[in-house]
Amino acid sequence: MSVDDEVVFRLPPVRAALADIENAEVVRRCFAKDASLWSGDAGEQAAIGNRLGWLDAAGGDPAWSAQLAGLVHDVRAAGLSHVVLAGMGGSSLAAEVCSLVFRGLVTGATLTVLDSTHPDAVRAALGEGELDATLVVVASKSGSTEETACFANRAAAVVPSPSHLVAITDAGSQLDEQATAQAWRAVLRNPADIGGRFSALSLFGMVPAALLGIDVQGLWEHAAAMRRACGPDVDVARNPATRLAAFMAGFARAGRDKLTLLLPHAIAPLGDWIEQLVAESTGKHGHGIVPVVGEPAGPPEQYGADRAFVAYRLGDEEPEGARALAEAGQPVLFVDLPDVAHIGAEFLRWELATALAGVVLGVNPFDEPNVTESKRITAQILEELRAGGTLPTPEHPDVGDLLVTLGPDDYLSIQAYLPPHTDTMAAFDRVRASLRERGLTSTFGWGPRFLHSTGQLHKGGPNTVVVLQVVDSALWEDAATLPIPGRPYDFGTLVRAQAVGDLRALVAHDRRVAQVGVDGTDAVERLVEALLHRLVH
């Protein structure tokens, strides 16, 4: 296959998907907010119709601009130079992308994202007596997400005053009521018809970006330009959104459902946001696209026939190995990004493409039924514990028994319910590289963060996932972990319940899964060595 991108769009899987998009007038109907595109059920159509406001967010809103300008001025005047963003999934990932991509390029507040309920992570972000210059932004569309509600209660108890707190939520939510009653510095109410993972260009993504000193108006302008380039009057063969949708959904239908992202270092954080958007939107009813992010790159012969690649060229920089993959015959879609200021355009491109891919795959990209399922099971476990129940102690199974079940179309999902740490991720990257050398695919996620992204795919998507759940066994031994104000349990109990809750959900869906307990970095290394030994032998 030539590295010429146009060759990709002449391949049968992509050509067929483009024809489907064109014949059903998908783009026109999407821009017209025609919910029947994604479902024939009247009830589902009503719900979908209330999740399409992101189409109007691309250019921003004058009222939003005024709100952000006022908030940034007040926060700087108060000497609040650090922001802790407490939120899960779509409520925090876009802001995290902006903070990392623009790091060193802007002058504003620094950002810490709190999206882990592990006591060590919460303590590091919301430690007592360390928040004099900190603004805590609590972000939750529903206002009732349990993790975020616990973060809000913790923050309210440890900040010097309510002026150190800001809420981003839907009007009338539980968080709105709490923040209003406690006289927080600001309550920013997002349009109710914008869903979490499609909210990058709304207040959820742009409030933290503005506080960091990023040119939010510029992000909106680039997004608006992308919206025009993807409009219904643009030929589907030249439309950036339809091309991406046809590429990823067309190849997924043809068995190449492992969408592997190749990103230059400067924009690597974009991968986590794309992963959440694509996995949670498409992974249901036995279908799904599996985003592969952060996998160590390798030569073409180490990739199987279940892959399709999206490779970003940032200016003149091309990701390692992308050209060799295309020349070797792997399907590679190259995307050109002039500079990081155009990240806003990429948010819009991927939101549109993911919505259109849902049409091609026959799934509703705007619901997340299995995310709700894990939440329900976790709540049941917390009630069991409150009534005096106990959780099984993490085991130490032979990980080789799990690895031998991996087939050529499967992937290993490493799920680490551990304190987020770069050394831990680097250790598991060695396992991922060893798997890739054998033609196998893997993903990595921090628990419970991934429950609000790839968790939907693991349970609702195709049964090709093999799960290695790694938990902190010390939390089963130490009863005195970080308390949560207003809750009858602490953060250690919450993260344990989340891990076991998802384990039960995976088993209920007949997924291949093993839970392994580790205690500290040495135990992580021993687990990694055991995995590598098994892969070699």
Foldseek 3Di string as FASTA:
>chain_A
DAPPQVVLCVDVLLVVLLCVCVVVLVQQCLLVLQLVLQPPDPVSSVLSSLANCLLVLLQHDPVVVVVLVVVLVVLVVLQQQAEEEEDFFLLPLLQVLLLQLCVPVFAFHHYDYQHALDQVSLCVRQPAPPDSNYAYEQEDAQQVDPRSVLSVQSNCVGHPALQSYEYEYAPPHPNNVVNVVRVHNYYHHWRSSHDRLLCCSTCSNVSSSVRRGHPSSLLSVLQVVLSVLQHSVHRLSRRLLSSLLSSQLSLQVVQQQAEEEFEDPSSLSVQVSLQQLQQQQFQAPAAGRHYAGPADDDEQVLADPNHAYEWEDAQPRTGPRQNRNVVVPHHYNYDYDPHPSSVSNVSNSSNSNSCSSSSSNSHGRRDQVVLVQLVVQLVVVVVCVVVPDADDQADADQCLVLVVVQDLSAEEEEEEQDNDDPVLVVLVSVLSNLQSNNNHHYHYYYPPSCSSGNLSNLQRYHQRYAYEYEYASVLNVDQDGADRPPDPHRSSSSRVSSSVSSVVSNVVSVHHYGYHYAHDPVRSNVVSVSSSVSSVD
